[in-house]
PDB file of N, CA and C in Angstrom:
ATOM      1  N   MET A   1     101.538 144.314  81.496  1.00  0.00           N
ATOM      2  CA  MET A   1     102.033 143.049  81.266  1.00  0.00           C
ATOM      3  C   MET A   1     101.019 142.064  82.222  1.00  0.00           C
ATOM      4  N   LYS A   2     100.733 140.968  81.608  1.00  0.00           N
ATOM      5  CA  LYS A   2      99.971 140.073  82.129  1.00  0.00           C
ATOM      6  C   LYS A   2     100.849 139.087  83.155  1.00  0.00           C
ATOM      7  N   PRO A   3     100.422 138.860  84.286  1.00  0.00           N
ATOM      8  CA  PRO A   3     101.310 138.085  85.582  1.00  0.00           C
ATOM      9  C   PRO A   3     101.313 136.731  85.291  1.00  0.00           C
ATOM     10  N   HIS A   4     102.295 136.297  84.370  1.00  0.00           N
ATOM     11  CA  HIS A   4     102.662 134.966  84.325  1.00  0.00           C
ATOM     12  C   HIS A   4     104.032 134.715  83.718  1.00  0.00           C
ATOM     13  N   ILE A   5     104.567 133.512  84.122  1.00  0.00           N
ATOM     14  CA  ILE A   5     105.875 133.339  83.647  1.00  0.00           C
ATOM     15  C   ILE A   5     106.031 132.062  82.661  1.00  0.00           C
ATOM     16  N   THR A   6     106.631 132.503  81.301  1.00  0.00           N
ATOM     17  CA  THR A   6     106.710 131.361  80.360  1.00  0.00           C
ATOM     18  C   THR A   6     107.666 130.520  80.207  1.00  0.00           C
ATOM     19  N   ILE A   7     109.018 130.886  80.563  1.00  0.00           N
ATOM     20  CA  ILE A   7     110.210 130.228  80.643  1.00  0.00           C
ATOM     21  C   ILE A   7     111.012 130.634  81.596  1.00  0.00           C
ATOM     22  N   ILE A   8     111.521 129.735  82.462  1.00  0.00           N
ATOM     23  CA  ILE A   8     112.590 129.776  83.340  1.00  0.00           C
ATOM     24  C   ILE A   8     113.831 129.321  82.742  1.00  0.00           C
ATOM     25  N   THR A   9     114.813 129.853  82.595  1.00  0.00           N
ATOM     26  CA  THR A   9     116.135 129.479  81.822  1.00  0.00           C
ATOM     27  C   THR A   9     117.145 129.498  82.943  1.00  0.00           C
ATOM     28  N   LEU A  10     117.881 128.384  83.245  1.00  0.00           N
ATOM     29  CA  LEU A  10     118.831 128.289  83.998  1.00  0.00           C
ATOM     30  C   LEU A  10     120.189 128.337  83.274  1.00  0.00           C
ATOM     31  N   GLY A  11     121.216 129.050  83.563  1.00  0.00           N
ATOM     32  CA  GLY A  11     122.445 129.096  82.893  1.00  0.00           C
ATOM     33  C   GLY A  11     123.372 128.109  83.802  1.00  0.00           C
ATOM     34  N   ILE A  12     123.570 126.935  82.927  1.00  0.00           N
ATOM     35  CA  ILE A  12     124.230 125.883  83.723  1.00  0.00           C
ATOM     36  C   ILE A  12     125.867 125.726  83.080  1.00  0.00           C
ATOM     37  N   GLU A  13     126.572 125.029  83.800  1.00  0.00           N
ATOM     38  CA  GLU A  13     127.940 124.740  83.385  1.00  0.00           C
ATOM     39  C   GLU A  13     128.008 123.602  82.568  1.00  0.00           C
ATOM     40  N   ASP A  14     127.314 122.326  82.672  1.00  0.00           N
ATOM     41  CA  ASP A  14     127.500 121.288  82.004  1.00  0.00           C
ATOM     42  C   ASP A  14     126.181 120.875  81.613  1.00  0.00           C
ATOM     43  N   LEU A  15     125.747 121.249  80.206  1.00  0.00           N
ATOM     44  CA  LEU A  15     124.427 120.856  79.599  1.00  0.00           C
ATOM     45  C   LEU A  15     124.100 119.592  79.696  1.00  0.00           C
ATOM     46  N   GLN A  16     124.934 118.617  79.378  1.00  0.00           N
ATOM     47  CA  GLN A  16     124.391 117.212  79.162  1.00  0.00           C
ATOM     48  C   GLN A  16     124.305 116.729  80.736  1.00  0.00           C
ATOM     49  N   ARG A  17     125.063 117.149  81.592  1.00  0.00           N
ATOM     50  CA  ARG A  17     124.678 116.696  82.956  1.00  0.00           C
ATOM     51  C   ARG A  17     123.563 117.175  83.644  1.00  0.00           C
ATOM     52  N   ALA A  18     123.295 118.450  83.133  1.00  0.00           N
ATOM     53  CA  ALA A  18     121.780 118.976  83.663  1.00  0.00           C
ATOM     54  C   ALA A  18     120.746 118.390  82.832  1.00  0.00           C
ATOM     55  N   ILE A  19     120.693 117.855  81.644  1.00  0.00           N
ATOM     56  CA  ILE A  19     119.796 117.091  80.910  1.00  0.00           C
ATOM     57  C   ILE A  19     119.550 115.920  81.530  1.00  0.00           C
ATOM     58  N   ASP A  20     120.749 115.329  81.822  1.00  0.00           N
ATOM     59  CA  ASP A  20     120.530 113.757  82.535  1.00  0.00           C
ATOM     60  C   ASP A  20     119.905 114.025  83.993  1.00  0.00           C
ATOM     61  N   PHE A  21     120.189 115.044  84.564  1.00  0.00           N
ATOM     62  CA  PHE A  21     119.429 115.322  85.759  1.00  0.00           C
ATOM     63  C   PHE A  21     118.047 115.484  85.756  1.00  0.00           C
ATOM     64  N   TYR A  22     117.735 116.492  85.094  1.00  0.00           N
ATOM     65  CA  TYR A  22     116.285 116.930  84.867  1.00  0.00           C
ATOM     66  C   TYR A  22     115.524 115.824  84.058  1.00  0.00           C
ATOM     67  N   GLN A  23     115.701 115.104  83.034  1.00  0.00           N
ATOM     68  CA  GLN A  23     115.236 114.145  82.292  1.00  0.00           C
ATOM     69  C   GLN A  23     115.333 112.949  82.916  1.00  0.00           C
ATOM     70  N   ASN A  24     116.467 112.237  83.110  1.00  0.00           N
ATOM     71  CA  ASN A  24     116.641 110.942  83.667  1.00  0.00           C
ATOM     72  C   ASN A  24     116.388 110.785  85.302  1.00  0.00           C
ATOM     73  N   GLY A  25     116.889 111.970  85.890  1.00  0.00           N
ATOM     74  CA  GLY A  25     116.933 112.008  87.340  1.00  0.00           C
ATOM     75  C   GLY A  25     115.452 112.269  87.879  1.00  0.00           C
ATOM     76  N   LEU A  26     114.773 113.431  87.316  1.00  0.00           N
ATOM     77  CA  LEU A  26     113.651 113.790  87.861  1.00  0.00           C
ATOM     78  C   LEU A  26     112.428 113.441  87.173  1.00  0.00           C
ATOM     79  N   GLY A  27     112.807 112.923  85.830  1.00  0.00           N
ATOM     80  CA  GLY A  27     111.696 112.564  85.031  1.00  0.00           C
ATOM     81  C   GLY A  27     110.858 113.437  84.150  1.00  0.00           C
ATOM     82  N   LEU A  28     111.460 114.855  84.085  1.00  0.00           N
ATOM     83  CA  LEU A  28     110.779 115.636  83.333  1.00  0.00           C
ATOM     84  C   LEU A  28     110.623 115.491  81.844  1.00  0.00           C
ATOM     85  N   PRO A  29     109.590 115.582  81.321  1.00  0.00           N
ATOM     86  CA  PRO A  29     109.264 115.481  79.777  1.00  0.00           C
ATOM     87  C   PRO A  29     110.061 116.521  79.043  1.00  0.00           C
ATOM     88  N   ARG A  30     110.972 116.147  78.094  1.00  0.00           N
ATOM     89  CA  ARG A  30     111.826 117.128  77.238  1.00  0.00           C
ATOM     90  C   ARG A  30     110.780 117.482  76.075  1.00  0.00           C
ATOM     91  N   LYS A  31     111.034 118.656  75.730  1.00  0.00           N
ATOM     92  CA  LYS A  31     110.059 119.235  74.609  1.00  0.00           C
ATOM     93  C   LYS A  31     110.829 119.564  73.231  1.00  0.00           C
ATOM     94  N   ASP A  32     112.266 119.221  73.244  1.00  0.00           N
ATOM     95  CA  ASP A  32     112.937 119.271  71.932  1.00  0.00           C
ATOM     96  C   ASP A  32     114.001 118.241  71.910  1.00  0.00           C
ATOM     97  N   GLU A  33     114.883 118.440  70.857  1.00  0.00           N
ATOM     98  CA  GLU A  33     115.920 117.500  70.583  1.00  0.00           C
ATOM     99  C   GLU A  33     117.387 118.452  70.191  1.00  0.00           C
ATOM    100  N   SER A  34     117.393 119.260  70.684  1.00  0.00           N
ATOM    101  CA  SER A  34     118.398 120.392  70.468  1.00  0.00           C
ATOM    102  C   SER A  34     119.583 119.962  71.245  1.00  0.00           C
ATOM    103  N   GLU A  35     120.844 120.131  70.675  1.00  0.00           N
ATOM    104  CA  GLU A  35     122.291 119.867  71.327  1.00  0.00           C
ATOM    105  C   GLU A  35     122.556 121.096  72.141  1.00  0.00           C
ATOM    106  N   SER A  36     122.007 122.213  71.858  1.00  0.00           N
ATOM    107  CA  SER A  36     122.634 123.298  72.426  1.00  0.00           C
ATOM    108  C   SER A  36     121.644 124.042  73.501  1.00  0.00           C
ATOM    109  N   ILE A  37     120.478 123.592  73.786  1.00  0.00           N
ATOM    110  CA  ILE A  37     119.558 123.993  74.931  1.00  0.00           C
ATOM    111  C   ILE A  37     118.708 122.861  75.149  1.00  0.00           C
ATOM    112  N   ALA A  38     118.034 123.021  76.200  1.00  0.00           N
ATOM    113  CA  ALA A  38     117.017 121.806  76.317  1.00  0.00           C
ATOM    114  C   ALA A  38     115.764 122.535  76.985  1.00  0.00           C
ATOM    115  N   PHE A  39     114.499 122.137  76.701  1.00  0.00           N
ATOM    116  CA  PHE A  39     113.327 122.676  77.196  1.00  0.00           C
ATOM    117  C   PHE A  39     112.542 121.624  77.812  1.00  0.00           C
ATOM    118  N   PHE A  40     111.941 121.960  78.935  1.00  0.00           N
ATOM    119  CA  PHE A  40     111.144 120.593  79.571  1.00  0.00           C
ATOM    120  C   PHE A  40     109.856 121.437  79.907  1.00  0.00           C
ATOM    121  N   ASP A  41     108.791 120.599  79.713  1.00  0.00           N
ATOM    122  CA  ASP A  41     107.378 121.005  80.241  1.00  0.00           C
ATOM    123  C   ASP A  41     107.110 120.845  81.708  1.00  0.00           C
ATOM    124  N   MET A  42     106.747 121.844  82.206  1.00  0.00           N
ATOM    125  CA  MET A  42     106.547 122.013  83.607  1.00  0.00           C
ATOM    126  C   MET A  42     105.160 122.548  83.994  1.00  0.00           C
ATOM    127  N   THR A  43     104.158 121.966  83.214  1.00  0.00           N
ATOM    128  CA  THR A  43     102.752 122.052  83.164  1.00  0.00           C
ATOM    129  C   THR A  43     102.324 123.498  83.272  1.00  0.00           C
ATOM    130  N   GLY A  44     102.591 124.278  82.159  1.00  0.00           N
ATOM    131  CA  GLY A  44     101.928 125.690  82.048  1.00  0.00           C
ATOM    132  C   GLY A  44     103.407 126.611  81.966  1.00  0.00           C
ATOM    133  N   THR A  45     104.672 126.248  82.307  1.00  0.00           N
ATOM    134  CA  THR A  45     105.810 126.788  82.437  1.00  0.00           C
ATOM    135  C   THR A  45     106.654 125.931  81.571  1.00  0.00           C
ATOM    136  N   ILE A  46     107.918 126.531  81.005  1.00  0.00           N
ATOM    137  CA  ILE A  46     109.028 125.814  80.444  1.00  0.00           C
ATOM    138  C   ILE A  46     110.191 125.978  81.219  1.00  0.00           C
ATOM    139  N   LEU A  47     110.861 124.961  81.634  1.00  0.00           N
ATOM    140  CA  LEU A  47     112.124 125.191  82.184  1.00  0.00           C
ATOM    141  C   LEU A  47     113.187 124.758  81.184  1.00  0.00           C
ATOM    142  N   ALA A  48     114.264 125.794  81.004  1.00  0.00           N
ATOM    143  CA  ALA A  48     115.055 125.737  79.894  1.00  0.00           C
ATOM    144  C   ALA A  48     116.462 125.736  80.241  1.00  0.00           C
ATOM    145  N   LEU A  49     117.177 124.853  79.868  1.00  0.00           N
ATOM    146  CA  LEU A  49     118.653 124.773  80.490  1.00  0.00           C
ATOM    147  C   LEU A  49     119.700 125.220  79.233  1.00  0.00           C
ATOM    148  N   TYR A  50     120.538 126.129  79.432  1.00  0.00           N
ATOM    149  CA  TYR A  50     121.209 126.811  78.398  1.00  0.00           C
ATOM    150  C   TYR A  50     122.666 127.196  79.124  1.00  0.00           C
ATOM    151  N   PRO A  51     123.615 126.838  78.397  1.00  0.00           N
ATOM    152  CA  PRO A  51     125.098 127.074  78.835  1.00  0.00           C
ATOM    153  C   PRO A  51     125.213 128.473  79.557  1.00  0.00           C
ATOM    154  N   ARG A  52     125.619 128.757  80.701  1.00  0.00           N
ATOM    155  CA  ARG A  52     125.681 129.909  81.293  1.00  0.00           C
ATOM    156  C   ARG A  52     126.289 131.049  80.640  1.00  0.00           C
ATOM    157  N   ASP A  53     127.575 130.757  79.810  1.00  0.00           N
ATOM    158  CA  ASP A  53     128.346 131.603  79.170  1.00  0.00           C
ATOM    159  C   ASP A  53     127.435 132.020  78.005  1.00  0.00           C
ATOM    160  N   LYS A  54     126.712 131.236  77.263  1.00  0.00           N
ATOM    161  CA  LYS A  54     125.828 131.586  76.097  1.00  0.00           C
ATOM    162  C   LYS A  54     124.724 132.529  76.392  1.00  0.00           C
ATOM    163  N   LEU A  55     124.173 132.132  77.704  1.00  0.00           N
ATOM    164  CA  LEU A  55     122.897 132.957  78.231  1.00  0.00           C
ATOM    165  C   LEU A  55     123.485 134.376  78.407  1.00  0.00           C
ATOM    166  N   ALA A  56     124.723 134.398  79.258  1.00  0.00           N
ATOM    167  CA  ALA A  56     125.249 135.805  79.552  1.00  0.00           C
ATOM    168  C   ALA A  56     125.634 136.552  78.157  1.00  0.00           C
ATOM    169  N   GLU A  57     126.220 135.959  77.373  1.00  0.00           N
ATOM    170  CA  GLU A  57     126.494 136.513  75.886  1.00  0.00           C
ATOM    171  C   GLU A  57     125.056 137.074  75.201  1.00  0.00           C
ATOM    172  N   ASP A  58     123.950 136.141  75.348  1.00  0.00           N
ATOM    173  CA  ASP A  58     122.728 136.665  74.785  1.00  0.00           C
ATOM    174  C   ASP A  58     122.317 137.932  75.536  1.00  0.00           C
ATOM    175  N   ILE A  59     122.382 138.018  76.719  1.00  0.00           N
ATOM    176  CA  ILE A  59     121.987 139.258  77.460  1.00  0.00           C
ATOM    177  C   ILE A  59     122.711 140.450  77.187  1.00  0.00           C
ATOM    178  N   THR A  60     124.071 140.052  76.799  1.00  0.00           N
ATOM    179  CA  THR A  60     125.078 141.082  76.595  1.00  0.00           C
ATOM    180  C   THR A  60     125.822 141.703  77.964  1.00  0.00           C
ATOM    181  N   ILE A  61     125.968 140.576  78.892  1.00  0.00           N
ATOM    182  CA  ILE A  61     126.800 140.932  80.020  1.00  0.00           C
ATOM    183  C   ILE A  61     127.743 139.835  80.288  1.00  0.00           C
ATOM    184  N   SER A  62     128.673 139.850  81.436  1.00  0.00           N
ATOM    185  CA  SER A  62     129.674 139.103  81.578  1.00  0.00           C
ATOM    186  C   SER A  62     129.104 137.766  82.335  1.00  0.00           C
ATOM    187  N   PRO A  63     129.735 136.686  82.110  1.00  0.00           N
ATOM    188  CA  PRO A  63     129.111 135.509  82.860  1.00  0.00           C
ATOM    189  C   PRO A  63     129.751 135.205  84.073  1.00  0.00           C
ATOM    190  N   ASP A  64     130.455 136.076  84.627  1.00  0.00           N
ATOM    191  CA  ASP A  64     131.485 135.864  85.874  1.00  0.00           C
ATOM    192  C   ASP A  64     130.709 135.739  87.054  1.00  0.00           C
ATOM    193  N   GLY A  65     129.357 136.233  87.090  1.00  0.00           N
ATOM    194  CA  GLY A  65     128.568 136.129  88.401  1.00  0.00           C
ATOM    195  C   GLY A  65     128.407 137.348  88.948  1.00  0.00           C
ATOM    196  N   ARG A  66     129.168 138.344  88.621  1.00  0.00           N
ATOM    197  CA  ARG A  66     128.858 139.562  89.400  1.00  0.00           C
ATOM    198  C   ARG A  66     127.766 140.205  88.694  1.00  0.00           C
ATOM    199  N   GLY A  67     126.550 140.669  89.392  1.00  0.00           N
ATOM    200  CA  GLY A  67     125.295 141.057  88.641  1.00  0.00           C
ATOM    201  C   GLY A  67     124.633 139.960  87.661  1.00  0.00           C
ATOM    202  N   PHE A  68     125.082 138.825  87.737  1.00  0.00           N
ATOM    203  CA  PHE A  68     124.240 137.966  86.843  1.00  0.00           C
ATOM    204  C   PHE A  68     124.250 136.464  87.557  1.00  0.00           C
ATOM    205  N   GLN A  69     123.071 136.152  88.017  1.00  0.00           N
ATOM    206  CA  GLN A  69     122.813 134.895  88.917  1.00  0.00           C
ATOM    207  C   GLN A  69     122.886 133.549  87.923  1.00  0.00           C
ATOM    208  N   GLY A  70     122.978 133.578  86.727  1.00  0.00           N
ATOM    209  CA  GLY A  70     122.853 132.401  86.086  1.00  0.00           C
ATOM    210  C   GLY A  70     121.528 131.839  85.560  1.00  0.00           C
ATOM    211  N   PHE A  71     120.538 132.983  85.720  1.00  0.00           N
ATOM    212  CA  PHE A  71     119.258 132.319  84.969  1.00  0.00           C
ATOM    213  C   PHE A  71     118.371 133.805  84.634  1.00  0.00           C
ATOM    214  N   THR A  72     117.486 133.561  83.884  1.00  0.00           N
ATOM    215  CA  THR A  72     116.808 134.607  83.467  1.00  0.00           C
ATOM    216  C   THR A  72     115.245 134.228  83.511  1.00  0.00           C
ATOM    217  N   LEU A  73     114.438 135.005  83.724  1.00  0.00           N
ATOM    218  CA  LEU A  73     112.795 134.845  83.657  1.00  0.00           C
ATOM    219  C   LEU A  73     112.380 135.387  82.237  1.00  0.00           C
ATOM    220  N   ALA A  74     111.339 134.547  81.417  1.00  0.00           N
ATOM    221  CA  ALA A  74     111.178 135.058  80.171  1.00  0.00           C
ATOM    222  C   ALA A  74     109.479 135.135  80.298  1.00  0.00           C
ATOM    223  N   HIS A  75     109.387 136.275  79.441  1.00  0.00           N
ATOM    224  CA  HIS A  75     107.674 136.541  79.369  1.00  0.00           C
ATOM    225  C   HIS A  75     107.720 136.732  77.742  1.00  0.00           C
ATOM    226  N   ASN A  76     106.855 135.575  77.259  1.00  0.00           N
ATOM    227  CA  ASN A  76     106.657 135.712  75.672  1.00  0.00           C
ATOM    228  C   ASN A  76     105.525 136.356  75.249  1.00  0.00           C
ATOM    229  N   VAL A  77     105.391 137.172  74.362  1.00  0.00           N
ATOM    230  CA  VAL A  77     104.334 137.838  73.752  1.00  0.00           C
ATOM    231  C   VAL A  77     104.009 137.654  72.295  1.00  0.00           C
ATOM    232  N   ASP A  78     103.117 138.202  71.851  1.00  0.00           N
ATOM    233  CA  ASP A  78     102.292 137.882  70.493  1.00  0.00           C
ATOM    234  C   ASP A  78     103.175 138.352  69.319  1.00  0.00           C
ATOM    235  N   SER A  79     104.012 139.523  69.527  1.00  0.00           N
ATOM    236  CA  SER A  79     104.619 140.138  68.315  1.00  0.00           C
ATOM    237  C   SER A  79     105.758 140.956  68.798  1.00  0.00           C
ATOM    238  N   PRO A  80     106.588 141.331  67.999  1.00  0.00           N
ATOM    239  CA  PRO A  80     107.733 142.065  68.123  1.00  0.00           C
ATOM    240  C   PRO A  80     107.406 143.341  68.716  1.00  0.00           C
ATOM    241  N   GLU A  81     106.282 143.912  68.163  1.00  0.00           N
ATOM    242  CA  GLU A  81     105.830 145.264  68.454  1.00  0.00           C
ATOM    243  C   GLU A  81     105.657 145.190  70.271  1.00  0.00           C
ATOM    244  N   GLU A  82     105.007 143.891  70.575  1.00  0.00           N
ATOM    245  CA  GLU A  82     104.357 143.970  71.934  1.00  0.00           C
ATOM    246  C   GLU A  82     105.773 143.583  72.930  1.00  0.00           C
ATOM    247  N   VAL A  83     106.781 143.204  72.240  1.00  0.00           N
ATOM    248  CA  VAL A  83     108.015 143.047  73.003  1.00  0.00           C
ATOM    249  C   VAL A  83     108.481 144.372  73.310  1.00  0.00           C
ATOM    250  N   ASP A  84     108.410 145.346  72.239  1.00  0.00           N
ATOM    251  CA  ASP A  84     108.937 146.744  72.542  1.00  0.00           C
ATOM    252  C   ASP A  84     108.188 147.516  73.702  1.00  0.00           C
ATOM    253  N   SER A  85     106.766 147.155  73.564  1.00  0.00           N
ATOM    254  CA  SER A  85     105.701 147.918  74.441  1.00  0.00           C
ATOM    255  C   SER A  85     105.856 147.367  75.716  1.00  0.00           C
ATOM    256  N   THR A  86     106.139 146.299  76.018  1.00  0.00           N
ATOM    257  CA  THR A  86     106.290 145.553  77.164  1.00  0.00           C
ATOM    258  C   THR A  86     107.664 146.048  77.842  1.00  0.00           C
ATOM    259  N   LEU A  87     108.783 145.980  77.031  1.00  0.00           N
ATOM    260  CA  LEU A  87     109.961 146.648  77.664  1.00  0.00           C
ATOM    261  C   LEU A  87     109.743 148.088  78.188  1.00  0.00           C
ATOM    262  N   ALA A  88     109.066 148.683  77.375  1.00  0.00           N
ATOM    263  CA  ALA A  88     108.841 150.298  77.523  1.00  0.00           C
ATOM    264  C   ALA A  88     107.990 150.343  78.989  1.00  0.00           C
ATOM    265  N   GLU A  89     106.838 149.471  79.168  1.00  0.00           N
ATOM    266  CA  GLU A  89     106.209 149.539  80.311  1.00  0.00           C
ATOM    267  C   GLU A  89     107.112 149.084  81.532  1.00  0.00           C
ATOM    268  N   ALA A  90     107.919 147.954  81.554  1.00  0.00           N
ATOM    269  CA  ALA A  90     108.831 147.735  82.456  1.00  0.00           C
ATOM    270  C   ALA A  90     109.834 148.748  83.043  1.00  0.00           C
ATOM    271  N   VAL A  91     110.258 149.608  81.920  1.00  0.00           N
ATOM    272  CA  VAL A  91     111.027 150.741  82.144  1.00  0.00           C
ATOM    273  C   VAL A  91     110.405 151.841  82.814  1.00  0.00           C
ATOM    274  N   ALA A  92     109.240 152.046  82.384  1.00  0.00           N
ATOM    275  CA  ALA A  92     108.348 153.086  83.044  1.00  0.00           C
ATOM    276  C   ALA A  92     108.050 152.670  84.732  1.00  0.00           C
ATOM    277  N   ALA A  93     107.960 151.215  84.824  1.00  0.00           N
ATOM    278  CA  ALA A  93     107.701 150.783  86.159  1.00  0.00           C
ATOM    279  C   ALA A  93     109.009 150.805  87.169  1.00  0.00           C
ATOM    280  N   GLY A  94     110.051 151.238  86.501  1.00  0.00           N
ATOM    281  CA  GLY A  94     111.290 151.243  87.242  1.00  0.00           C
ATOM    282  C   GLY A  94     112.444 150.242  86.894  1.00  0.00           C
ATOM    283  N   ALA A  95     112.162 149.539  85.827  1.00  0.00           N
ATOM    284  CA  ALA A  95     113.140 148.498  85.531  1.00  0.00           C
ATOM    285  C   ALA A  95     114.187 149.210  84.582  1.00  0.00           C
ATOM    286  N   GLU A  96     115.490 148.571  84.521  1.00  0.00           N
ATOM    287  CA  GLU A  96     116.596 149.073  83.739  1.00  0.00           C
ATOM    288  C   GLU A  96     116.556 148.369  82.413  1.00  0.00           C
ATOM    289  N   LEU A  97     116.592 149.167  81.306  1.00  0.00           N
ATOM    290  CA  LEU A  97     116.527 148.408  79.975  1.00  0.00           C
ATOM    291  C   LEU A  97     118.045 147.962  79.760  1.00  0.00           C
ATOM    292  N   VAL A  98     118.294 146.469  79.599  1.00  0.00           N
ATOM    293  CA  VAL A  98     119.386 146.176  79.528  1.00  0.00           C
ATOM    294  C   VAL A  98     119.900 145.869  77.909  1.00  0.00           C
ATOM    295  N   LYS A  99     118.919 145.232  77.286  1.00  0.00           N
ATOM    296  CA  LYS A  99     119.021 145.112  75.799  1.00  0.00           C
ATOM    297  C   LYS A  99     117.554 145.440  75.066  1.00  0.00           C
ATOM    298  N   PRO A 100     117.633 146.381  74.213  1.00  0.00           N
ATOM    299  CA  PRO A 100     116.519 146.871  73.437  1.00  0.00           C
ATOM    300  C   PRO A 100     115.939 145.532  72.594  1.00  0.00           C
ATOM    301  N   GLY A 101     114.545 145.567  72.207  1.00  0.00           N
ATOM    302  CA  GLY A 101     114.202 144.347  71.374  1.00  0.00           C
ATOM    303  C   GLY A 101     114.924 144.496  70.182  1.00  0.00           C
ATOM    304  N   GLN A 102     115.142 143.358  69.736  1.00  0.00           N
ATOM    305  CA  GLN A 102     115.998 143.219  68.414  1.00  0.00           C
ATOM    306  C   GLN A 102     115.765 141.680  67.872  1.00  0.00           C
ATOM    307  N   LYS A 103     116.005 141.511  66.447  1.00  0.00           N
ATOM    308  CA  LYS A 103     116.031 140.065  66.029  1.00  0.00           C
ATOM    309  C   LYS A 103     117.058 139.373  66.525  1.00  0.00           C
ATOM    310  N   VAL A 104     116.770 138.111  67.089  1.00  0.00           N
ATOM    311  CA  VAL A 104     117.853 137.473  67.475  1.00  0.00           C
ATOM    312  C   VAL A 104     118.152 136.284  66.801  1.00  0.00           C
ATOM    313  N   PHE A 105     119.180 135.541  67.050  1.00  0.00           N
ATOM    314  CA  PHE A 105     119.935 134.388  66.274  1.00  0.00           C
ATOM    315  C   PHE A 105     119.086 133.196  66.011  1.00  0.00           C
ATOM    316  N   TRP A 106     118.012 132.952  67.215  1.00  0.00           N
ATOM    317  CA  TRP A 106     117.207 131.731  67.053  1.00  0.00           C
ATOM    318  C   TRP A 106     115.869 132.047  66.437  1.00  0.00           C
ATOM    319  N   GLY A 107     115.754 133.202  65.759  1.00  0.00           N
ATOM    320  CA  GLY A 107     114.696 133.322  64.918  1.00  0.00           C
ATOM    321  C   GLY A 107     113.390 134.314  65.291  1.00  0.00           C
ATOM    322  N   GLY A 108     113.828 134.533  66.659  1.00  0.00           N
ATOM    323  CA  GLY A 108     112.606 135.466  67.316  1.00  0.00           C
ATOM    324  C   GLY A 108     113.053 136.746  67.158  1.00  0.00           C
ATOM    325  N   TYR A 109     112.554 137.551  68.202  1.00  0.00           N
ATOM    326  CA  TYR A 109     112.752 138.934  68.678  1.00  0.00           C
ATOM    327  C   TYR A 109     112.490 139.016  70.066  1.00  0.00           C
ATOM    328  N   SER A 110     113.738 139.632  70.616  1.00  0.00           N
ATOM    329  CA  SER A 110     113.613 139.786  71.994  1.00  0.00           C
ATOM    330  C   SER A 110     114.586 140.923  72.597  1.00  0.00           C
ATOM    331  N   GLY A 111     114.069 141.313  73.875  1.00  0.00           N
ATOM    332  CA  GLY A 111     115.033 142.230  74.598  1.00  0.00           C
ATOM    333  C   GLY A 111     115.218 141.675  76.021  1.00  0.00           C
ATOM    334  N   TYR A 112     115.786 142.498  76.836  1.00  0.00           N
ATOM    335  CA  TYR A 112     116.052 142.344  78.400  1.00  0.00           C
ATOM    336  C   TYR A 112     116.031 143.621  79.156  1.00  0.00           C
ATOM    337  N   PHE A 113     115.159 143.312  80.282  1.00  0.00           N
ATOM    338  CA  PHE A 113     115.242 144.396  81.522  1.00  0.00           C
ATOM    339  C   PHE A 113     115.774 143.628  82.642  1.00  0.00           C
ATOM    340  N   LYS A 114     116.251 144.584  83.521  1.00  0.00           N
ATOM    341  CA  LYS A 114     116.651 144.184  84.910  1.00  0.00           C
ATOM    342  C   LYS A 114     115.658 144.771  86.053  1.00  0.00           C
ATOM    343  N   ASP A 115     115.052 144.085  86.796  1.00  0.00           N
ATOM    344  CA  ASP A 115     114.026 144.549  87.720  1.00  0.00           C
ATOM    345  C   ASP A 115     114.876 145.236  88.698  1.00  0.00           C
ATOM    346  N   PRO A 116     114.134 145.999  89.719  1.00  0.00           N
ATOM    347  CA  PRO A 116     114.890 146.600  90.700  1.00  0.00           C
ATOM    348  C   PRO A 116     115.552 145.859  91.779  1.00  0.00           C
ATOM    349  N   ASP A 117     115.343 144.555  91.752  1.00  0.00           N
ATOM    350  CA  ASP A 117     116.348 143.709  92.481  1.00  0.00           C
ATOM    351  C   ASP A 117     117.446 143.137  91.911  1.00  0.00           C
ATOM    352  N   GLY A 118     117.683 143.323  90.535  1.00  0.00           N
ATOM    353  CA  GLY A 118     118.673 142.976  89.815  1.00  0.00           C
ATOM    354  C   GLY A 118     118.410 141.433  88.893  1.00  0.00           C
ATOM    355  N   PHE A 119     117.092 141.032  88.933  1.00  0.00           N
ATOM    356  CA  PHE A 119     116.932 139.830  88.019  1.00  0.00           C
ATOM    357  C   PHE A 119     116.558 140.165  86.738  1.00  0.00           C
ATOM    358  N   TYR A 120     117.017 139.453  85.703  1.00  0.00           N
ATOM    359  CA  TYR A 120     117.030 139.665  84.471  1.00  0.00           C
ATOM    360  C   TYR A 120     115.665 139.040  83.887  1.00  0.00           C
ATOM    361  N   TRP A 121     115.100 139.793  83.097  1.00  0.00           N
ATOM    362  CA  TRP A 121     113.899 139.147  82.377  1.00  0.00           C
ATOM    363  C   TRP A 121     114.000 139.293  80.878  1.00  0.00           C
ATOM    364  N   GLU A 122     113.564 138.473  80.265  1.00  0.00           N
ATOM    365  CA  GLU A 122     113.796 138.556  78.582  1.00  0.00           C
ATOM    366  C   GLU A 122     112.258 138.477  78.201  1.00  0.00           C
ATOM    367  N   VAL A 123     112.114 139.479  77.307  1.00  0.00           N
ATOM    368  CA  VAL A 123     110.720 139.878  76.825  1.00  0.00           C
ATOM    369  C   VAL A 123     110.764 139.265  75.304  1.00  0.00           C
ATOM    370  N   ALA A 124     110.153 138.426  74.853  1.00  0.00           N
ATOM    371  CA  ALA A 124     110.518 137.700  73.602  1.00  0.00           C
ATOM    372  C   ALA A 124     109.088 137.330  72.808  1.00  0.00           C
ATOM    373  N   HIS A 125     109.246 137.543  71.457  1.00  0.00           N
ATOM    374  CA  HIS A 125     108.318 136.974  70.510  1.00  0.00           C
ATOM    375  C   HIS A 125     108.961 135.866  69.821  1.00  0.00           C
ATOM    376  N   ASN A 126     108.453 134.630  70.245  1.00  0.00           N
ATOM    377  CA  ASN A 126     108.996 133.408  69.912  1.00  0.00           C
ATOM    378  C   ASN A 126     108.072 132.585  68.675  1.00  0.00           C
ATOM    379  N   PRO A 127     108.224 132.897  67.611  1.00  0.00           N
ATOM    380  CA  PRO A 127     107.303 132.299  66.709  1.00  0.00           C
ATOM    381  C   PRO A 127     107.300 130.490  66.456  1.00  0.00           C
ATOM    382  N   PHE A 128     108.134 130.071  67.362  1.00  0.00           N
ATOM    383  CA  PHE A 128     108.216 128.630  67.407  1.00  0.00           C
ATOM    384  C   PHE A 128     107.433 127.943  68.621  1.00  0.00           C
ATOM    385  N   LEU A 129     106.840 128.851  69.631  1.00  0.00           N
ATOM    386  CA  LEU A 129     106.520 128.214  70.662  1.00  0.00           C
ATOM    387  C   LEU A 129     104.875 128.654  70.388  1.00  0.00           C
TER     388      LEU A 129
END
């Protein structure tokens, strides 16, 4: 796995409040016009804001806070096959596979692993980025 972070997704309680804070409060440039998620340019990394309950649902875990801190780290790769091989590499290094690579509702392919400290990583092929 190449050492870089593509997207930091924060699971938030109030999407509009968070958009207002990051876009209007901090002046971050928004990259999309979606009503269900927001992407901000962080000069080489993207900050994503997504409802906490929906993010937990995507990972297939409970949003109640036990074992889930409200954010994930994302590593984007060039193909679905690379998603699977990267997940396998992470597991071989000691990660726990949480969600195997699969086609997802937003049109890409992704899976999740949990690192030894409990942080969730999404490995994704996103044909839209």
